[in-house]
Amino acid sequence: MLKFLRVVCIAVGIVLIVATLGLMIWNVIQINQLVTTADAANMLTNPNPRYWVMLGVGGALVGGFALGLGLGMPKQTFKQRLADHVEQEDQSENPA
């Protein structure tokens, strides 16, 4: 069950990342059209916000990746888990 849930979570994560990238590209195209129209009509008073949009989406992608990576990591290091395993084996072989 857990392997299935892991695969589903990975698939959903990949789909969401691809959808977010597509949405970012679409937003940049829309912002470029808006800025071009405003510039042509001499209505442009603010700088083009496309870089802030890309920075925000990039930050969200990196943050989501870091969160998923952090949640997926084991709570103990390999050496700690190995020591626990060896200790359990010793206790099962030599019950005191």
N, C-alpha and C. Protein backbone atom coordinates (compact mmCIF):
# COMPACT_ATOMS: atom_id res chain seq x y z
N MET A 1 0.82 -1.19 0.00
CA MET A 1 0.00 0.00 0.00
C MET A 1 0.86 1.26 0.00
N LEU A 2 1.95 1.25 0.80
CA LEU A 2 2.79 2.43 0.87
C LEU A 2 3.55 2.67 -0.43
N LYS A 3 3.96 1.59 -1.11
CA LYS A 3 4.63 1.77 -2.39
C LYS A 3 3.68 2.39 -3.40
N PHE A 4 2.43 1.95 -3.39
CA PHE A 4 1.43 2.52 -4.30
C PHE A 4 1.22 3.99 -4.00
N LEU A 5 1.09 4.33 -2.72
CA LEU A 5 0.90 5.72 -2.32
C LEU A 5 2.10 6.57 -2.71
N ARG A 6 3.31 6.01 -2.57
CA ARG A 6 4.50 6.75 -2.96
C ARG A 6 4.51 7.03 -4.46
N VAL A 7 4.14 6.02 -5.25
CA VAL A 7 4.10 6.20 -6.70
C VAL A 7 3.05 7.23 -7.09
N VAL A 8 1.89 7.19 -6.43
CA VAL A 8 0.84 8.17 -6.72
C VAL A 8 1.32 9.57 -6.37
N CYS A 9 1.96 9.73 -5.23
CA CYS A 9 2.47 11.04 -4.82
C CYS A 9 3.51 11.56 -5.80
N ILE A 10 4.40 10.68 -6.25
CA ILE A 10 5.41 11.09 -7.22
C ILE A 10 4.77 11.49 -8.53
N ALA A 11 3.78 10.73 -8.98
CA ALA A 11 3.10 11.05 -10.23
C ALA A 11 2.37 12.38 -10.14
N VAL A 12 1.67 12.60 -9.03
CA VAL A 12 0.96 13.87 -8.83
C VAL A 12 1.95 15.03 -8.78
N GLY A 13 3.07 14.82 -8.10
CA GLY A 13 4.09 15.87 -8.02
C GLY A 13 4.64 16.23 -9.39
N ILE A 14 4.92 15.22 -10.20
CA ILE A 14 5.44 15.49 -11.54
C ILE A 14 4.41 16.22 -12.39
N VAL A 15 3.16 15.79 -12.32
CA VAL A 15 2.11 16.45 -13.09
C VAL A 15 1.96 17.91 -12.66
N LEU A 16 2.01 18.16 -11.36
CA LEU A 16 1.89 19.53 -10.86
C LEU A 16 3.09 20.39 -11.27
N ILE A 17 4.26 19.82 -11.27
CA ILE A 17 5.44 20.59 -11.70
C ILE A 17 5.33 20.95 -13.18
N VAL A 18 4.92 20.00 -14.00
CA VAL A 18 4.77 20.27 -15.43
C VAL A 18 3.67 21.31 -15.66
N ALA A 19 2.56 21.19 -14.92
CA ALA A 19 1.47 22.16 -15.06
C ALA A 19 1.92 23.55 -14.60
N THR A 20 2.71 23.62 -13.55
CA THR A 20 3.20 24.90 -13.07
C THR A 20 4.15 25.54 -14.09
N LEU A 21 5.00 24.73 -14.69
CA LEU A 21 5.88 25.26 -15.73
C LEU A 21 5.08 25.78 -16.92
N GLY A 22 4.06 25.02 -17.32
CA GLY A 22 3.21 25.48 -18.42
C GLY A 22 2.48 26.76 -18.08
N LEU A 23 1.98 26.85 -16.86
CA LEU A 23 1.30 28.08 -16.42
C LEU A 23 2.26 29.25 -16.37
N MET A 24 3.51 29.02 -15.96
CA MET A 24 4.50 30.09 -15.94
C MET A 24 4.76 30.59 -17.35
N ILE A 25 4.91 29.68 -18.30
CA ILE A 25 5.15 30.10 -19.68
C ILE A 25 3.96 30.90 -20.21
N TRP A 26 2.74 30.42 -19.91
CA TRP A 26 1.54 31.13 -20.36
C TRP A 26 1.47 32.53 -19.73
N ASN A 27 1.80 32.64 -18.44
CA ASN A 27 1.78 33.94 -17.77
C ASN A 27 2.80 34.90 -18.36
N VAL A 28 3.97 34.41 -18.69
CA VAL A 28 4.99 35.27 -19.29
C VAL A 28 4.52 35.77 -20.65
N ILE A 29 3.88 34.92 -21.43
CA ILE A 29 3.35 35.34 -22.73
C ILE A 29 2.28 36.42 -22.54
N GLN A 30 1.37 36.20 -21.59
CA GLN A 30 0.31 37.18 -21.33
C GLN A 30 0.88 38.51 -20.83
N ILE A 31 1.87 38.44 -19.95
CA ILE A 31 2.48 39.67 -19.44
C ILE A 31 3.19 40.41 -20.56
N ASN A 32 3.88 39.69 -21.43
CA ASN A 32 4.54 40.35 -22.56
C ASN A 32 3.53 41.06 -23.46
N GLN A 33 2.39 40.42 -23.72
CA GLN A 33 1.36 41.06 -24.54
C GLN A 33 0.80 42.30 -23.84
N LEU A 34 0.56 42.21 -22.54
CA LEU A 34 0.04 43.33 -21.79
C LEU A 34 1.02 44.50 -21.76
N VAL A 35 2.29 44.21 -21.55
CA VAL A 35 3.30 45.26 -21.50
C VAL A 35 3.47 45.89 -22.88
N THR A 36 3.44 45.08 -23.92
CA THR A 36 3.56 45.62 -25.28
C THR A 36 2.39 46.55 -25.61
N THR A 37 1.18 46.14 -25.22
CA THR A 37 0.00 46.97 -25.47
C THR A 37 0.07 48.27 -24.67
N ALA A 38 0.46 48.17 -23.41
CA ALA A 38 0.54 49.37 -22.58
C ALA A 38 1.65 50.29 -23.07
N ASP A 39 2.75 49.73 -23.54
CA ASP A 39 3.85 50.55 -24.03
C ASP A 39 3.47 51.24 -25.33
N ALA A 40 2.74 50.53 -26.18
CA ALA A 40 2.32 51.12 -27.45
C ALA A 40 1.34 52.27 -27.23
N ALA A 41 0.53 52.19 -26.19
CA ALA A 41 -0.44 53.25 -25.91
C ALA A 41 0.13 54.29 -24.95
N ASN A 42 1.43 54.22 -24.66
CA ASN A 42 2.10 55.15 -23.74
C ASN A 42 1.44 55.14 -22.37
N MET A 43 1.01 53.96 -21.92
CA MET A 43 0.37 53.83 -20.62
C MET A 43 1.27 53.10 -19.62
N LEU A 44 2.45 52.73 -20.02
CA LEU A 44 3.33 51.96 -19.16
C LEU A 44 3.94 52.87 -18.10
N THR A 45 3.59 52.61 -16.84
CA THR A 45 4.14 53.41 -15.75
C THR A 45 5.01 52.56 -14.83
N ASN A 46 4.86 51.26 -14.88
CA ASN A 46 5.62 50.36 -14.03
C ASN A 46 6.52 49.48 -14.88
N PRO A 47 7.61 48.99 -14.31
CA PRO A 47 8.45 48.05 -15.07
C PRO A 47 7.72 46.73 -15.30
N ASN A 48 8.20 45.97 -16.26
CA ASN A 48 7.60 44.69 -16.62
C ASN A 48 7.71 43.70 -15.46
N PRO A 49 6.58 43.13 -15.00
CA PRO A 49 6.61 42.24 -13.83
C PRO A 49 6.94 40.79 -14.15
N ARG A 50 7.32 40.46 -15.39
CA ARG A 50 7.53 39.06 -15.76
C ARG A 50 8.63 38.41 -14.94
N TYR A 51 9.66 39.17 -14.58
CA TYR A 51 10.75 38.57 -13.81
C TYR A 51 10.31 38.22 -12.39
N TRP A 52 9.43 39.03 -11.81
CA TRP A 52 8.92 38.71 -10.48
C TRP A 52 8.03 37.47 -10.52
N VAL A 53 7.28 37.31 -11.60
CA VAL A 53 6.44 36.11 -11.75
C VAL A 53 7.33 34.87 -11.87
N MET A 54 8.36 34.96 -12.71
CA MET A 54 9.25 33.82 -12.88
C MET A 54 10.01 33.52 -11.58
N LEU A 55 10.41 34.55 -10.85
CA LEU A 55 11.09 34.35 -9.58
C LEU A 55 10.17 33.67 -8.57
N GLY A 56 8.91 34.10 -8.51
CA GLY A 56 7.95 33.49 -7.59
C GLY A 56 7.67 32.03 -7.91
N VAL A 57 7.49 31.72 -9.18
CA VAL A 57 7.21 30.34 -9.57
C VAL A 57 8.45 29.47 -9.36
N GLY A 58 9.61 30.01 -9.70
CA GLY A 58 10.84 29.26 -9.46
C GLY A 58 11.05 28.97 -7.99
N GLY A 59 10.76 29.96 -7.16
CA GLY A 59 10.87 29.76 -5.71
C GLY A 59 9.89 28.72 -5.21
N ALA A 60 8.68 28.73 -5.76
CA ALA A 60 7.68 27.73 -5.36
C ALA A 60 8.12 26.33 -5.78
N LEU A 61 8.69 26.20 -6.97
CA LEU A 61 9.16 24.90 -7.43
C LEU A 61 10.31 24.39 -6.56
N VAL A 62 11.27 25.24 -6.29
CA VAL A 62 12.41 24.82 -5.47
C VAL A 62 11.95 24.51 -4.04
N GLY A 63 11.03 25.32 -3.52
CA GLY A 63 10.51 25.07 -2.19
C GLY A 63 9.74 23.77 -2.11
N GLY A 64 8.93 23.48 -3.12
CA GLY A 64 8.20 22.22 -3.14
C GLY A 64 9.12 21.03 -3.25
N PHE A 65 10.16 21.16 -4.05
CA PHE A 65 11.13 20.08 -4.16
C PHE A 65 11.85 19.85 -2.84
N ALA A 66 12.27 20.94 -2.21
CA ALA A 66 12.99 20.82 -0.94
C ALA A 66 12.09 20.22 0.15
N LEU A 67 10.82 20.64 0.17
CA LEU A 67 9.88 20.09 1.15
C LEU A 67 9.68 18.59 0.92
N GLY A 68 9.47 18.19 -0.31
CA GLY A 68 9.29 16.77 -0.62
C GLY A 68 10.53 15.96 -0.30
N LEU A 69 11.69 16.52 -0.60
CA LEU A 69 12.93 15.83 -0.30
C LEU A 69 13.12 15.69 1.21
N GLY A 70 12.80 16.73 1.93
CA GLY A 70 12.93 16.68 3.38
C GLY A 70 11.96 15.70 4.02
N LEU A 71 10.74 15.66 3.53
CA LEU A 71 9.76 14.72 4.07
C LEU A 71 10.10 13.28 3.72
N GLY A 72 10.78 13.08 2.61
CA GLY A 72 11.11 11.73 2.17
C GLY A 72 12.35 11.15 2.80
N MET A 73 13.14 11.97 3.45
CA MET A 73 14.38 11.47 4.04
C MET A 73 14.11 10.71 5.33
N PRO A 74 14.92 9.70 5.59
CA PRO A 74 14.73 8.95 6.85
C PRO A 74 15.10 9.81 8.05
N LYS A 75 14.53 9.45 9.20
CA LYS A 75 14.78 10.22 10.41
C LYS A 75 16.13 9.90 11.02
N GLN A 76 16.66 8.71 10.74
CA GLN A 76 17.95 8.30 11.27
C GLN A 76 18.95 8.14 10.13
N THR A 77 20.22 8.31 10.45
CA THR A 77 21.25 8.08 9.45
C THR A 77 21.43 6.58 9.26
N PHE A 78 22.16 6.22 8.22
CA PHE A 78 22.40 4.82 7.93
C PHE A 78 23.16 4.15 9.07
N LYS A 79 24.16 4.85 9.62
CA LYS A 79 24.94 4.27 10.71
C LYS A 79 24.08 4.00 11.94
N GLN A 80 23.15 4.89 12.25
CA GLN A 80 22.27 4.68 13.39
C GLN A 80 21.34 3.48 13.17
N ARG A 81 20.80 3.38 11.97
CA ARG A 81 19.92 2.25 11.67
C ARG A 81 20.69 0.94 11.69
N LEU A 82 21.93 0.93 11.18
CA LEU A 82 22.75 -0.27 11.19
C LEU A 82 23.09 -0.67 12.62
N ALA A 83 23.43 0.31 13.45
CA ALA A 83 23.74 0.01 14.85
C ALA A 83 22.52 -0.56 15.57
N ASP A 84 21.35 -0.01 15.32
CA ASP A 84 20.12 -0.53 15.92
C ASP A 84 19.85 -1.96 15.47
N HIS A 85 20.07 -2.22 14.18
CA HIS A 85 19.84 -3.55 13.64
C HIS A 85 20.81 -4.57 14.26
N VAL A 86 22.08 -4.19 14.34
CA VAL A 86 23.07 -5.09 14.94
C VAL A 86 22.74 -5.34 16.41
N GLU A 87 22.32 -4.30 17.12
CA GLU A 87 21.96 -4.45 18.53
C GLU A 87 20.77 -5.39 18.70
N GLN A 88 19.78 -5.27 17.83
CA GLN A 88 18.62 -6.16 17.90
C GLN A 88 19.01 -7.60 17.61
N GLU A 89 19.91 -7.80 16.65
CA GLU A 89 20.37 -9.16 16.34
C GLU A 89 21.13 -9.75 17.52
N ASP A 90 21.97 -8.94 18.15
CA ASP A 90 22.72 -9.42 19.32
C ASP A 90 21.79 -9.81 20.45
N GLN A 91 20.76 -9.03 20.67
CA GLN A 91 19.82 -9.32 21.73
C GLN A 91 19.00 -10.58 21.43
N SER A 92 18.69 -10.80 20.17
CA SER A 92 17.91 -11.99 19.83
C SER A 92 18.76 -13.26 19.91
N GLU A 93 20.05 -13.14 19.63
CA GLU A 93 20.94 -14.31 19.70
C GLU A 93 21.33 -14.65 21.12
N ASN A 94 21.53 -13.64 21.95
CA ASN A 94 21.95 -13.83 23.34
C ASN A 94 20.95 -13.21 24.29
N PRO A 95 19.82 -13.87 24.50
CA PRO A 95 18.85 -13.29 25.44
C PRO A 95 19.40 -13.37 26.86
N ALA A 96 19.31 -12.26 27.58
CA ALA A 96 19.87 -12.23 28.94
C ALA A 96 18.79 -12.30 29.98
